[in-house]
Amino acid sequence: VQLQASGGGLVQAGGSMRLSCAAPGRTLTSYAMGWFRQAPGKERNFVAAISRNAGSLYYSDSVKGRFTISRDNAKNTVYLQMNSLNIEDTAVYYCAAAYSGYDSRVYTEFVDYNYWGQGTQVTVSS
């Protein structure tokens, strides 16, 4: 499964941005999806996850209440709406797909994911 992340760029602190993750020509209905991010010199960390049927969502504490993950299975696309961005949100954001046999299960560990997108840079300026 090839995942293509897009929507990154430069935004001022307090602003909003929406990332997209598409899988052209492939269905994602068998996959739970997630977003991770990696800041310079740091590990790749979990941000948000959504189950196959979108019935379960999970967020890291650092983004809870500000970010929203969603998916449109008809378009084979997953989104990450990011609001109230701050400088600490600056990172390369990666989408990932985890093959799942469960409709409502979410995954938060790096090792759970089978496929990764190429990453999209998000830079928040003061």
PDB file of N, CA and C in Angstrom:
ATOM      1  N   VAL A   1       0.849  -1.187   0.000  1.00  0.00           N
ATOM      2  CA  VAL A   1       0.000   0.000   0.000  1.00  0.00           C
ATOM      3  C   VAL A   1       0.884   1.236   0.000  1.00  0.00           C
ATOM      4  N   GLN A   2       0.729   2.056  -1.002  1.00  0.00           N
ATOM      5  CA  GLN A   2       1.484   3.311  -1.055  1.00  0.00           C
ATOM      6  C   GLN A   2       0.634   4.429  -0.473  1.00  0.00           C
ATOM      7  N   LEU A   3       1.187   5.123   0.497  1.00  0.00           N
ATOM      8  CA  LEU A   3       0.490   6.216   1.148  1.00  0.00           C
ATOM      9  C   LEU A   3       1.154   7.535   0.770  1.00  0.00           C
ATOM     10  N   GLN A   4       0.336   8.509   0.437  1.00  0.00           N
ATOM     11  CA  GLN A   4       0.850   9.814   0.033  1.00  0.00           C
ATOM     12  C   GLN A   4       0.304  10.873   0.968  1.00  0.00           C
ATOM     13  N   ALA A   5       1.181  11.441   1.781  1.00  0.00           N
ATOM     14  CA  ALA A   5       0.789  12.497   2.707  1.00  0.00           C
ATOM     15  C   ALA A   5       0.980  13.852   2.041  1.00  0.00           C
ATOM     16  N   SER A   6       0.064  14.760   2.327  1.00  0.00           N
ATOM     17  CA  SER A   6       0.151  16.100   1.759  1.00  0.00           C
ATOM     18  C   SER A   6      -0.509  17.095   2.703  1.00  0.00           C
ATOM     19  N   GLY A   7      -0.323  18.367   2.416  1.00  0.00           N
ATOM     20  CA  GLY A   7      -0.987  19.417   3.175  1.00  0.00           C
ATOM     21  C   GLY A   7      -0.105  20.160   4.144  1.00  0.00           C
ATOM     22  N   GLY A   8       1.145  19.762   4.262  1.00  0.00           N
ATOM     23  CA  GLY A   8       2.049  20.447   5.168  1.00  0.00           C
ATOM     24  C   GLY A   8       2.473  21.799   4.627  1.00  0.00           C
ATOM     25  N   GLY A   9       3.209  22.529   5.449  1.00  0.00           N
ATOM     26  CA  GLY A   9       3.694  23.838   5.044  1.00  0.00           C
ATOM     27  C   GLY A   9       4.027  24.679   6.256  1.00  0.00           C
ATOM     28  N   LEU A  10       4.009  25.980   6.046  1.00  0.00           N
ATOM     29  CA  LEU A  10       4.348  26.938   7.096  1.00  0.00           C
ATOM     30  C   LEU A  10       3.075  27.618   7.590  1.00  0.00           C
ATOM     31  N   VAL A  11       2.917  27.689   8.899  1.00  0.00           N
ATOM     32  CA  VAL A  11       1.749  28.326   9.494  1.00  0.00           C
ATOM     33  C   VAL A  11       2.178  29.064  10.746  1.00  0.00           C
ATOM     34  N   GLN A  12       1.486  30.125  11.060  1.00  0.00           N
ATOM     35  CA  GLN A  12       1.799  30.874  12.271  1.00  0.00           C
ATOM     36  C   GLN A  12       1.188  30.196  13.492  1.00  0.00           C
ATOM     37  N   ALA A  13       1.810  30.412  14.607  1.00  0.00           N
ATOM     38  CA  ALA A  13       1.283  29.866  15.857  1.00  0.00           C
ATOM     39  C   ALA A  13      -0.147  30.330  16.056  1.00  0.00           C
ATOM     40  N   GLY A  14      -0.977  29.398  16.492  1.00  0.00           N
ATOM     41  CA  GLY A  14      -2.388  29.679  16.654  1.00  0.00           C
ATOM     42  C   GLY A  14      -3.227  29.345  15.439  1.00  0.00           C
ATOM     43  N   GLY A  15      -2.567  29.070  14.340  1.00  0.00           N
ATOM     44  CA  GLY A  15      -3.266  28.772  13.098  1.00  0.00           C
ATOM     45  C   GLY A  15      -3.683  27.321  12.980  1.00  0.00           C
ATOM     46  N   SER A  16      -4.235  27.001  11.808  1.00  0.00           N
ATOM     47  CA  SER A  16      -4.745  25.659  11.543  1.00  0.00           C
ATOM     48  C   SER A  16      -4.180  25.120  10.236  1.00  0.00           C
ATOM     49  N   MET A  17      -4.222  23.814  10.131  1.00  0.00           N
ATOM     50  CA  MET A  17      -3.738  23.157   8.922  1.00  0.00           C
ATOM     51  C   MET A  17      -4.400  21.786   8.856  1.00  0.00           C
ATOM     52  N   ARG A  18      -4.665  21.315   7.644  1.00  0.00           N
ATOM     53  CA  ARG A  18      -5.214  19.978   7.487  1.00  0.00           C
ATOM     54  C   ARG A  18      -4.290  19.135   6.628  1.00  0.00           C
ATOM     55  N   LEU A  19      -3.895  18.015   7.151  1.00  0.00           N
ATOM     56  CA  LEU A  19      -3.094  17.054   6.403  1.00  0.00           C
ATOM     57  C   LEU A  19      -4.000  15.984   5.818  1.00  0.00           C
ATOM     58  N   SER A  20      -3.583  15.482   4.670  1.00  0.00           N
ATOM     59  CA  SER A  20      -4.302  14.390   4.021  1.00  0.00           C
ATOM     60  C   SER A  20      -3.340  13.245   3.757  1.00  0.00           C
ATOM     61  N   CYS A  21      -3.901  12.064   3.748  1.00  0.00           N
ATOM     62  CA  CYS A  21      -3.117  10.863   3.451  1.00  0.00           C
ATOM     63  C   CYS A  21      -3.960  10.007   2.519  1.00  0.00           C
ATOM     64  N   ALA A  22      -3.494   9.848   1.297  1.00  0.00           N
ATOM     65  CA  ALA A  22      -4.256   9.128   0.285  1.00  0.00           C
ATOM     66  C   ALA A  22      -3.553   7.849  -0.122  1.00  0.00           C
ATOM     67  N   ALA A  23      -4.334   6.907  -0.561  1.00  0.00           N
ATOM     68  CA  ALA A  23      -3.809   5.642  -1.076  1.00  0.00           C
ATOM     69  C   ALA A  23      -4.429   5.423  -2.449  1.00  0.00           C
ATOM     70  N   PRO A  24      -3.877   6.057  -3.454  1.00  0.00           N
ATOM     71  CA  PRO A  24      -4.472   5.990  -4.788  1.00  0.00           C
ATOM     72  C   PRO A  24      -4.613   4.565  -5.302  1.00  0.00           C
ATOM     73  N   GLY A  25      -5.824   4.233  -5.705  1.00  0.00           N
ATOM     74  CA  GLY A  25      -6.046   2.928  -6.291  1.00  0.00           C
ATOM     75  C   GLY A  25      -6.156   1.784  -5.314  1.00  0.00           C
ATOM     76  N   ARG A  26      -6.042   2.076  -4.026  1.00  0.00           N
ATOM     77  CA  ARG A  26      -6.129   1.020  -3.019  1.00  0.00           C
ATOM     78  C   ARG A  26      -7.186   1.359  -1.997  1.00  0.00           C
ATOM     79  N   THR A  27      -7.888   0.328  -1.552  1.00  0.00           N
ATOM     80  CA  THR A  27      -8.862   0.548  -0.505  1.00  0.00           C
ATOM     81  C   THR A  27      -8.196   0.453   0.857  1.00  0.00           C
ATOM     82  N   LEU A  28      -8.632   1.296   1.760  1.00  0.00           N
ATOM     83  CA  LEU A  28      -8.060   1.302   3.113  1.00  0.00           C
ATOM     84  C   LEU A  28      -9.009   0.718   4.151  1.00  0.00           C
ATOM     85  N   THR A  29     -10.084   0.092   3.707  1.00  0.00           N
ATOM     86  CA  THR A  29     -11.103  -0.363   4.646  1.00  0.00           C
ATOM     87  C   THR A  29     -10.625  -1.488   5.566  1.00  0.00           C
ATOM     88  N   SER A  30      -9.531  -2.143   5.203  1.00  0.00           N
ATOM     89  CA  SER A  30      -8.991  -3.209   6.054  1.00  0.00           C
ATOM     90  C   SER A  30      -7.923  -2.703   7.012  1.00  0.00           C
ATOM     91  N   TYR A  31      -7.712  -1.404   6.998  1.00  0.00           N
ATOM     92  CA  TYR A  31      -6.610  -0.827   7.757  1.00  0.00           C
ATOM     93  C   TYR A  31      -7.086   0.200   8.770  1.00  0.00           C
ATOM     94  N   ALA A  32      -6.565   0.060   9.985  1.00  0.00           N
ATOM     95  CA  ALA A  32      -6.615   1.177  10.909  1.00  0.00           C
ATOM     96  C   ALA A  32      -5.507   2.136  10.492  1.00  0.00           C
ATOM     97  N   MET A  33      -5.725   3.410  10.739  1.00  0.00           N
ATOM     98  CA  MET A  33      -4.779   4.412  10.266  1.00  0.00           C
ATOM     99  C   MET A  33      -4.258   5.251  11.418  1.00  0.00           C
ATOM    100  N   GLY A  34      -3.078   5.801  11.212  1.00  0.00           N
ATOM    101  CA  GLY A  34      -2.510   6.629  12.258  1.00  0.00           C
ATOM    102  C   GLY A  34      -1.642   7.731  11.691  1.00  0.00           C
ATOM    103  N   TRP A  35      -1.396   8.715  12.534  1.00  0.00           N
ATOM    104  CA  TRP A  35      -0.445   9.779  12.226  1.00  0.00           C
ATOM    105  C   TRP A  35       0.627   9.788  13.313  1.00  0.00           C
ATOM    106  N   PHE A  36       1.853   9.931  12.856  1.00  0.00           N
ATOM    107  CA  PHE A  36       3.002  10.085  13.740  1.00  0.00           C
ATOM    108  C   PHE A  36       3.729  11.352  13.329  1.00  0.00           C
ATOM    109  N   ARG A  37       4.630  11.814  14.179  1.00  0.00           N
ATOM    110  CA  ARG A  37       5.447  12.964  13.810  1.00  0.00           C
ATOM    111  C   ARG A  37       6.839  12.818  14.387  1.00  0.00           C
ATOM    112  N   GLN A  38       7.770  13.455  13.699  1.00  0.00           N
ATOM    113  CA  GLN A  38       9.166  13.398  14.121  1.00  0.00           C
ATOM    114  C   GLN A  38       9.780  14.777  13.998  1.00  0.00           C
ATOM    115  N   ALA A  39      10.161  15.327  15.126  1.00  0.00           N
ATOM    116  CA  ALA A  39      10.845  16.614  15.158  1.00  0.00           C
ATOM    117  C   ALA A  39      12.350  16.376  14.975  1.00  0.00           C
ATOM    118  N   PRO A  40      13.090  17.391  14.542  1.00  0.00           N
ATOM    119  CA  PRO A  40      14.537  17.228  14.332  1.00  0.00           C
ATOM    120  C   PRO A  40      15.239  16.727  15.592  1.00  0.00           C
ATOM    121  N   GLY A  41      16.009  15.671  15.428  1.00  0.00           N
ATOM    122  CA  GLY A  41      16.777  15.126  16.532  1.00  0.00           C
ATOM    123  C   GLY A  41      15.989  14.334  17.544  1.00  0.00           C
ATOM    124  N   LYS A  42      14.716  14.057  17.228  1.00  0.00           N
ATOM    125  CA  LYS A  42      13.866  13.338  18.170  1.00  0.00           C
ATOM    126  C   LYS A  42      13.299  12.085  17.527  1.00  0.00           C
ATOM    127  N   GLU A  43      12.720  11.240  18.366  1.00  0.00           N
ATOM    128  CA  GLU A  43      12.113  10.009  17.878  1.00  0.00           C
ATOM    129  C   GLU A  43      10.778  10.307  17.197  1.00  0.00           C
ATOM    130  N   ARG A  44      10.340   9.353  16.406  1.00  0.00           N
ATOM    131  CA  ARG A  44       9.018   9.449  15.792  1.00  0.00           C
ATOM    132  C   ARG A  44       7.980   9.078  16.848  1.00  0.00           C
ATOM    133  N   ASN A  45       7.026   9.968  17.049  1.00  0.00           N
ATOM    134  CA  ASN A  45       6.045   9.784  18.118  1.00  0.00           C
ATOM    135  C   ASN A  45       4.629   9.694  17.576  1.00  0.00           C
ATOM    136  N   PHE A  46       3.826   8.953  18.267  1.00  0.00           N
ATOM    137  CA  PHE A  46       2.422   8.797  17.934  1.00  0.00           C
ATOM    138  C   PHE A  46       1.673  10.116  18.129  1.00  0.00           C
ATOM    139  N   VAL A  47       0.744  10.392  17.198  1.00  0.00           N
ATOM    140  CA  VAL A  47      -0.082  11.595  17.288  1.00  0.00           C
ATOM    141  C   VAL A  47      -1.560  11.234  17.426  1.00  0.00           C
ATOM    142  N   ALA A  48      -2.060  10.439  16.469  1.00  0.00           N
ATOM    143  CA  ALA A  48      -3.494  10.137  16.461  1.00  0.00           C
ATOM    144  C   ALA A  48      -3.735   8.846  15.691  1.00  0.00           C
ATOM    145  N   ALA A  49      -4.830   8.178  16.038  1.00  0.00           N
ATOM    146  CA  ALA A  49      -5.183   6.938  15.358  1.00  0.00           C
ATOM    147  C   ALA A  49      -6.687   6.841  15.195  1.00  0.00           C
ATOM    148  N   ILE A  50      -7.089   6.105  14.151  1.00  0.00           N
ATOM    149  CA  ILE A  50      -8.505   5.906  13.875  1.00  0.00           C
ATOM    150  C   ILE A  50      -8.705   4.462  13.445  1.00  0.00           C
ATOM    151  N   SER A  51      -9.788   3.864  13.881  1.00  0.00           N
ATOM    152  CA  SER A  51     -10.057   2.474  13.554  1.00  0.00           C
ATOM    153  C   SER A  51     -10.588   2.351  12.123  1.00  0.00           C
ATOM    154  N   ARG A  52     -10.713   1.105  11.694  1.00  0.00           N
ATOM    155  CA  ARG A  52     -11.190   0.833  10.333  1.00  0.00           C
ATOM    156  C   ARG A  52     -12.528   1.491  10.047  1.00  0.00           C
ATOM    157  N   ASN A  53     -13.417   1.396  11.022  1.00  0.00           N
ATOM    158  CA  ASN A  53     -14.774   1.916  10.802  1.00  0.00           C
ATOM    159  C   ASN A  53     -14.963   3.329  11.344  1.00  0.00           C
ATOM    160  N   ALA A  54     -13.856   3.953  11.751  1.00  0.00           N
ATOM    161  CA  ALA A  54     -13.877   5.320  12.301  1.00  0.00           C
ATOM    162  C   ALA A  54     -14.640   5.400  13.611  1.00  0.00           C
ATOM    163  N   GLY A  55     -14.975   4.276  14.189  1.00  0.00           N
ATOM    164  CA  GLY A  55     -15.720   4.294  15.439  1.00  0.00           C
ATOM    165  C   GLY A  55     -14.866   4.551  16.662  1.00  0.00           C
ATOM    166  N   SER A  56     -13.571   4.340  16.533  1.00  0.00           N
ATOM    167  CA  SER A  56     -12.654   4.570  17.646  1.00  0.00           C
ATOM    168  C   SER A  56     -11.570   5.541  17.218  1.00  0.00           C
ATOM    169  N   LEU A  57     -11.305   6.496  18.076  1.00  0.00           N
ATOM    170  CA  LEU A  57     -10.268   7.494  17.850  1.00  0.00           C
ATOM    171  C   LEU A  57      -9.378   7.533  19.087  1.00  0.00           C
ATOM    172  N   TYR A  58      -8.120   7.877  18.860  1.00  0.00           N
ATOM    173  CA  TYR A  58      -7.211   7.997  20.007  1.00  0.00           C
ATOM    174  C   TYR A  58      -6.175   9.046  19.694  1.00  0.00           C
ATOM    175  N   TYR A  59      -5.823   9.849  20.714  1.00  0.00           N
ATOM    176  CA  TYR A  59      -4.878  10.943  20.519  1.00  0.00           C
ATOM    177  C   TYR A  59      -3.808  10.926  21.596  1.00  0.00           C
ATOM    178  N   SER A  60      -2.660  11.442  21.243  1.00  0.00           N
ATOM    179  CA  SER A  60      -1.649  11.667  22.258  1.00  0.00           C
ATOM    180  C   SER A  60      -2.103  12.831  23.135  1.00  0.00           C
ATOM    181  N   ASP A  61      -1.606  12.871  24.342  1.00  0.00           N
ATOM    182  CA  ASP A  61      -2.001  13.938  25.267  1.00  0.00           C
ATOM    183  C   ASP A  61      -1.621  15.315  24.731  1.00  0.00           C
ATOM    184  N   SER A  62      -0.537  15.369  23.974  1.00  0.00           N
ATOM    185  CA  SER A  62      -0.029  16.663  23.509  1.00  0.00           C
ATOM    186  C   SER A  62      -0.920  17.306  22.448  1.00  0.00           C
ATOM    187  N   VAL A  63      -1.768  16.516  21.794  1.00  0.00           N
ATOM    188  CA  VAL A  63      -2.606  17.084  20.729  1.00  0.00           C
ATOM    189  C   VAL A  63      -4.099  16.966  21.029  1.00  0.00           C
ATOM    190  N   LYS A  64      -4.436  16.263  22.090  1.00  0.00           N
ATOM    191  CA  LYS A  64      -5.841  16.045  22.417  1.00  0.00           C
ATOM    192  C   LYS A  64      -6.563  17.385  22.602  1.00  0.00           C
ATOM    193  N   GLY A  65      -7.709  17.499  21.955  1.00  0.00           N
ATOM    194  CA  GLY A  65      -8.470  18.738  22.027  1.00  0.00           C
ATOM    195  C   GLY A  65      -8.120  19.752  20.963  1.00  0.00           C
ATOM    196  N   ARG A  66      -7.010  19.529  20.264  1.00  0.00           N
ATOM    197  CA  ARG A  66      -6.578  20.450  19.205  1.00  0.00           C
ATOM    198  C   ARG A  66      -6.602  19.796  17.837  1.00  0.00           C
ATOM    199  N   PHE A  67      -6.281  18.511  17.784  1.00  0.00           N
ATOM    200  CA  PHE A  67      -6.210  17.782  16.511  1.00  0.00           C
ATOM    201  C   PHE A  67      -7.395  16.834  16.394  1.00  0.00           C
ATOM    202  N   THR A  68      -7.825  16.609  15.159  1.00  0.00           N
ATOM    203  CA  THR A  68      -8.901  15.668  14.890  1.00  0.00           C
ATOM    204  C   THR A  68      -8.522  14.783  13.713  1.00  0.00           C
ATOM    205  N   ILE A  69      -8.577  13.488  13.936  1.00  0.00           N
ATOM    206  CA  ILE A  69      -8.322  12.542  12.864  1.00  0.00           C
ATOM    207  C   ILE A  69      -9.662  12.061  12.319  1.00  0.00           C
ATOM    208  N   SER A  70      -9.724  11.880  11.011  1.00  0.00           N
ATOM    209  CA  SER A  70     -10.942  11.397  10.378  1.00  0.00           C
ATOM    210  C   SER A  70     -10.560  10.626   9.123  1.00  0.00           C
ATOM    211  N   ARG A  71     -11.527   9.947   8.559  1.00  0.00           N
ATOM    212  CA  ARG A  71     -11.262   9.198   7.339  1.00  0.00           C
ATOM    213  C   ARG A  71     -12.491   9.179   6.462  1.00  0.00           C
ATOM    214  N   ASP A  72     -12.229   9.076   5.171  1.00  0.00           N
ATOM    215  CA  ASP A  72     -13.282   8.937   4.178  1.00  0.00           C
ATOM    216  C   ASP A  72     -12.929   7.690   3.385  1.00  0.00           C
ATOM    217  N   ASN A  73     -13.533   6.588   3.743  1.00  0.00           N
ATOM    218  CA  ASN A  73     -13.180   5.321   3.089  1.00  0.00           C
ATOM    219  C   ASN A  73     -13.574   5.298   1.618  1.00  0.00           C
ATOM    220  N   ALA A  74     -14.577   6.064   1.257  1.00  0.00           N
ATOM    221  CA  ALA A  74     -14.969   6.126  -0.158  1.00  0.00           C
ATOM    222  C   ALA A  74     -13.873   6.783  -0.999  1.00  0.00           C
ATOM    223  N   LYS A  75     -13.104   7.669  -0.377  1.00  0.00           N
ATOM    224  CA  LYS A  75     -12.020   8.359  -1.081  1.00  0.00           C
ATOM    225  C   LYS A  75     -10.650   7.777  -0.737  1.00  0.00           C
ATOM    226  N   ASN A  76     -10.645   6.719   0.092  1.00  0.00           N
ATOM    227  CA  ASN A  76      -9.365   6.117   0.500  1.00  0.00           C
ATOM    228  C   ASN A  76      -8.408   7.165   1.059  1.00  0.00           C
ATOM    229  N   THR A  77      -8.926   8.013   1.911  1.00  0.00           N
ATOM    230  CA  THR A  77      -8.147   9.134   2.419  1.00  0.00           C
ATOM    231  C   THR A  77      -8.381   9.300   3.922  1.00  0.00           C
ATOM    232  N   VAL A  78      -7.311   9.652   4.607  1.00  0.00           N
ATOM    233  CA  VAL A  78      -7.358   9.950   6.032  1.00  0.00           C
ATOM    234  C   VAL A  78      -6.893  11.386   6.217  1.00  0.00           C
ATOM    235  N   TYR A  79      -7.478  12.059   7.188  1.00  0.00           N
ATOM    236  CA  TYR A  79      -7.168  13.461   7.419  1.00  0.00           C
ATOM    237  C   TYR A  79      -6.698  13.690   8.852  1.00  0.00           C
ATOM    238  N   LEU A  80      -5.930  14.741   9.008  1.00  0.00           N
ATOM    239  CA  LEU A  80      -5.568  15.209  10.341  1.00  0.00           C
ATOM    240  C   LEU A  80      -5.783  16.716  10.357  1.00  0.00           C
ATOM    241  N   GLN A  81      -6.851  17.140  11.008  1.00  0.00           N
ATOM    242  CA  GLN A  81      -7.133  18.559  11.173  1.00  0.00           C
ATOM    243  C   GLN A  81      -6.405  19.039  12.411  1.00  0.00           C
ATOM    244  N   MET A  82      -5.565  20.049  12.232  1.00  0.00           N
ATOM    245  CA  MET A  82      -4.745  20.554  13.331  1.00  0.00           C
ATOM    246  C   MET A  82      -5.110  22.002  13.608  1.00  0.00           C
ATOM    247  N   ASN A  83      -5.572  22.273  14.798  1.00  0.00           N
ATOM    248  CA  ASN A  83      -5.945  23.624  15.213  1.00  0.00           C
ATOM    249  C   ASN A  83      -5.066  24.087  16.369  1.00  0.00           C
ATOM    250  N   SER A  84      -5.075  25.373  16.596  1.00  0.00           N
ATOM    251  CA  SER A  84      -4.307  25.968  17.705  1.00  0.00           C
ATOM    252  C   SER A  84      -2.863  25.471  17.693  1.00  0.00           C
ATOM    253  N   LEU A  85      -2.262  25.522  16.545  1.00  0.00           N
ATOM    254  CA  LEU A  85      -0.896  25.008  16.401  1.00  0.00           C
ATOM    255  C   LEU A  85       0.090  25.847  17.192  1.00  0.00           C
ATOM    256  N   ASN A  86       1.080  25.196  17.748  1.00  0.00           N
ATOM    257  CA  ASN A  86       2.144  25.897  18.444  1.00  0.00           C
ATOM    258  C   ASN A  86       3.495  25.408  17.929  1.00  0.00           C
ATOM    259  N   ILE A  87       4.534  26.087  18.361  1.00  0.00           N
ATOM    260  CA  ILE A  87       5.869  25.821  17.829  1.00  0.00           C
ATOM    261  C   ILE A  87       6.281  24.371  18.073  1.00  0.00           C
ATOM    262  N   GLU A  88       5.830  23.789  19.154  1.00  0.00           N
ATOM    263  CA  GLU A  88       6.188  22.410  19.488  1.00  0.00           C
ATOM    264  C   GLU A  88       5.559  21.397  18.529  1.00  0.00           C
ATOM    265  N   ASP A  89       4.620  21.826  17.701  1.00  0.00           N
ATOM    266  CA  ASP A  89       4.013  20.936  16.714  1.00  0.00           C
ATOM    267  C   ASP A  89       4.850  20.841  15.440  1.00  0.00           C
ATOM    268  N   THR A  90       5.896  21.623  15.345  1.00  0.00           N
ATOM    269  CA  THR A  90       6.769  21.574  14.175  1.00  0.00           C
ATOM    270  C   THR A  90       7.432  20.206  14.077  1.00  0.00           C
ATOM    271  N   ALA A  91       7.251  19.555  12.934  1.00  0.00           N
ATOM    272  CA  ALA A  91       7.781  18.202  12.741  1.00  0.00           C
ATOM    273  C   ALA A  91       7.449  17.737  11.335  1.00  0.00           C
ATOM    274  N   VAL A  92       8.039  16.623  10.963  1.00  0.00           N
ATOM    275  CA  VAL A  92       7.584  15.900   9.779  1.00  0.00           C
ATOM    276  C   VAL A  92       6.481  14.954  10.225  1.00  0.00           C
ATOM    277  N   TYR A  93       5.359  15.022   9.556  1.00  0.00           N
ATOM    278  CA  TYR A  93       4.202  14.200   9.910  1.00  0.00           C
ATOM    279  C   TYR A  93       4.081  13.037   8.933  1.00  0.00           C
ATOM    280  N   TYR A  94       3.904  11.852   9.498  1.00  0.00           N
ATOM    281  CA  TYR A  94       3.799  10.638   8.708  1.00  0.00           C
ATOM    282  C   TYR A  94       2.446   9.979   8.939  1.00  0.00           C
ATOM    283  N   CYS A  95       1.822   9.545   7.848  1.00  0.00           N
ATOM    284  CA  CYS A  95       0.647   8.711   8.016  1.00  0.00           C
ATOM    285  C   CYS A  95       1.068   7.252   7.867  1.00  0.00           C
ATOM    286  N   ALA A  96       0.274   6.378   8.464  1.00  0.00           N
ATOM    287  CA  ALA A  96       0.619   4.969   8.458  1.00  0.00           C
ATOM    288  C   ALA A  96      -0.643   4.121   8.480  1.00  0.00           C
ATOM    289  N   ALA A  97      -0.522   2.906   7.949  1.00  0.00           N
ATOM    290  CA  ALA A  97      -1.645   1.983   7.880  1.00  0.00           C
ATOM    291  C   ALA A  97      -1.295   0.690   8.592  1.00  0.00           C
ATOM    292  N   ALA A  98      -2.217   0.222   9.423  1.00  0.00           N
ATOM    293  CA  ALA A  98      -2.039  -1.028  10.165  1.00  0.00           C
ATOM    294  C   ALA A  98      -3.131  -1.997   9.745  1.00  0.00           C
ATOM    295  N   TYR A  99      -2.742  -3.117   9.181  1.00  0.00           N
ATOM    296  CA  TYR A  99      -3.759  -4.104   8.814  1.00  0.00           C
ATOM    297  C   TYR A  99      -4.460  -4.573  10.083  1.00  0.00           C
ATOM    298  N   SER A 100      -5.787  -4.564  10.046  1.00  0.00           N
ATOM    299  CA  SER A 100      -6.528  -4.879  11.263  1.00  0.00           C
ATOM    300  C   SER A 100      -7.703  -5.796  10.972  1.00  0.00           C
ATOM    301  N   GLY A 101      -7.860  -6.787  11.819  1.00  0.00           N
ATOM    302  CA  GLY A 101      -9.004  -7.682  11.717  1.00  0.00           C
ATOM    303  C   GLY A 101     -10.189  -7.234  12.559  1.00  0.00           C
ATOM    304  N   TYR A 102     -10.046  -6.041  13.148  1.00  0.00           N
ATOM    305  CA  TYR A 102     -11.070  -5.551  14.070  1.00  0.00           C
ATOM    306  C   TYR A 102     -11.606  -4.204  13.610  1.00  0.00           C
ATOM    307  N   ASP A 103     -12.895  -4.058  13.574  1.00  0.00           N
ATOM    308  CA  ASP A 103     -13.496  -2.812  13.102  1.00  0.00           C
ATOM    309  C   ASP A 103     -13.148  -1.620  13.966  1.00  0.00           C
ATOM    310  N   SER A 104     -13.066  -1.830  15.279  1.00  0.00           N
ATOM    311  CA  SER A 104     -12.984  -0.699  16.199  1.00  0.00           C
ATOM    312  C   SER A 104     -11.649  -0.571  16.924  1.00  0.00           C
ATOM    313  N   ARG A 105     -10.667  -1.290  16.477  1.00  0.00           N
ATOM    314  CA  ARG A 105      -9.386  -1.253  17.183  1.00  0.00           C
ATOM    315  C   ARG A 105      -8.503  -0.144  16.641  1.00  0.00           C
ATOM    316  N   VAL A 106      -7.802   0.544  17.527  1.00  0.00           N
ATOM    317  CA  VAL A 106      -6.817   1.540  17.136  1.00  0.00           C
ATOM    318  C   VAL A 106      -5.446   1.066  17.589  1.00  0.00           C
ATOM    319  N   TYR A 107      -4.415   1.611  16.940  1.00  0.00           N
ATOM    320  CA  TYR A 107      -3.040   1.201  17.226  1.00  0.00           C
ATOM    321  C   TYR A 107      -2.196   2.437  17.476  1.00  0.00           C
ATOM    322  N   THR A 108      -1.379   2.365  18.517  1.00  0.00           N
ATOM    323  CA  THR A 108      -0.591   3.533  18.884  1.00  0.00           C
ATOM    324  C   THR A 108       0.903   3.296  18.826  1.00  0.00           C
ATOM    325  N   GLU A 109       1.312   2.071  18.559  1.00  0.00           N
ATOM    326  CA  GLU A 109       2.733   1.746  18.551  1.00  0.00           C
ATOM    327  C   GLU A 109       3.281   1.709  17.137  1.00  0.00           C
ATOM    328  N   PHE A 110       4.487   2.213  17.001  1.00  0.00           N
ATOM    329  CA  PHE A 110       5.164   2.246  15.711  1.00  0.00           C
ATOM    330  C   PHE A 110       5.181   0.869  15.068  1.00  0.00           C
ATOM    331  N   VAL A 111       5.435  -0.152  15.840  1.00  0.00           N
ATOM    332  CA  VAL A 111       5.612  -1.500  15.290  1.00  0.00           C
ATOM    333  C   VAL A 111       4.303  -2.111  14.797  1.00  0.00           C
ATOM    334  N   ASP A 112       3.180  -1.521  15.162  1.00  0.00           N
ATOM    335  CA  ASP A 112       1.888  -2.051  14.731  1.00  0.00           C
ATOM    336  C   ASP A 112       1.577  -1.735  13.275  1.00  0.00           C
ATOM    337  N   TYR A 113       2.274  -0.772  12.719  1.00  0.00           N
ATOM    338  CA  TYR A 113       1.937  -0.272  11.393  1.00  0.00           C
ATOM    339  C   TYR A 113       2.768  -0.946  10.307  1.00  0.00           C
ATOM    340  N   ASN A 114       2.075  -1.308   9.227  1.00  0.00           N
ATOM    341  CA  ASN A 114       2.703  -2.054   8.135  1.00  0.00           C
ATOM    342  C   ASN A 114       3.214  -1.151   7.012  1.00  0.00           C
ATOM    343  N   TYR A 115       2.530  -0.043   6.795  1.00  0.00           N
ATOM    344  CA  TYR A 115       2.864   0.825   5.673  1.00  0.00           C
ATOM    345  C   TYR A 115       2.948   2.281   6.143  1.00  0.00           C
ATOM    346  N   TRP A 116       3.885   3.007   5.508  1.00  0.00           N
ATOM    347  CA  TRP A 116       4.138   4.395   5.896  1.00  0.00           C
ATOM    348  C   TRP A 116       4.169   5.286   4.671  1.00  0.00           C
ATOM    349  N   GLY A 117       3.679   6.503   4.853  1.00  0.00           N
ATOM    350  CA  GLY A 117       3.807   7.508   3.822  1.00  0.00           C
ATOM    351  C   GLY A 117       5.175   8.158   3.900  1.00  0.00           C
ATOM    352  N   GLN A 118       5.431   9.074   2.986  1.00  0.00           N
ATOM    353  CA  GLN A 118       6.750   9.681   2.868  1.00  0.00           C
ATOM    354  C   GLN A 118       6.969  10.832   3.839  1.00  0.00           C
ATOM    355  N   GLY A 119       5.922  11.312   4.475  1.00  0.00           N
ATOM    356  CA  GLY A 119       6.064  12.410   5.413  1.00  0.00           C
ATOM    357  C   GLY A 119       5.816  13.755   4.760  1.00  0.00           C
ATOM    358  N   THR A 120       5.259  14.666   5.543  1.00  0.00           N
ATOM    359  CA  THR A 120       5.043  16.030   5.074  1.00  0.00           C
ATOM    360  C   THR A 120       5.446  16.985   6.201  1.00  0.00           C
ATOM    361  N   GLN A 121       6.203  18.003   5.838  1.00  0.00           N
ATOM    362  CA  GLN A 121       6.762  18.917   6.832  1.00  0.00           C
ATOM    363  C   GLN A 121       5.713  19.941   7.280  1.00  0.00           C
ATOM    364  N   VAL A 122       5.585  20.086   8.579  1.00  0.00           N
ATOM    365  CA  VAL A 122       4.753  21.132   9.168  1.00  0.00           C
ATOM    366  C   VAL A 122       5.659  22.021  10.007  1.00  0.00           C
ATOM    367  N   THR A 123       5.677  23.298   9.681  1.00  0.00           N
ATOM    368  CA  THR A 123       6.496  24.252  10.419  1.00  0.00           C
ATOM    369  C   THR A 123       5.596  25.341  10.984  1.00  0.00           C
ATOM    370  N   VAL A 124       5.663  25.505  12.293  1.00  0.00           N
ATOM    371  CA  VAL A 124       4.855  26.519  12.974  1.00  0.00           C
ATOM    372  C   VAL A 124       5.790  27.634  13.419  1.00  0.00           C
ATOM    373  N   SER A 125       5.500  28.842  12.985  1.00  0.00           N
ATOM    374  CA  SER A 125       6.348  29.979  13.316  1.00  0.00           C
ATOM    375  C   SER A 125       5.688  30.831  14.401  1.00  0.00           C
ATOM    376  N   SER A 126       6.516  31.525  15.139  1.00  0.00           N
ATOM    377  CA  SER A 126       6.002  32.368  16.233  1.00  0.00           C
ATOM    378  C   SER A 126       5.556  33.722  15.711  1.00  0.00           C
TER     379      SER A 126
END
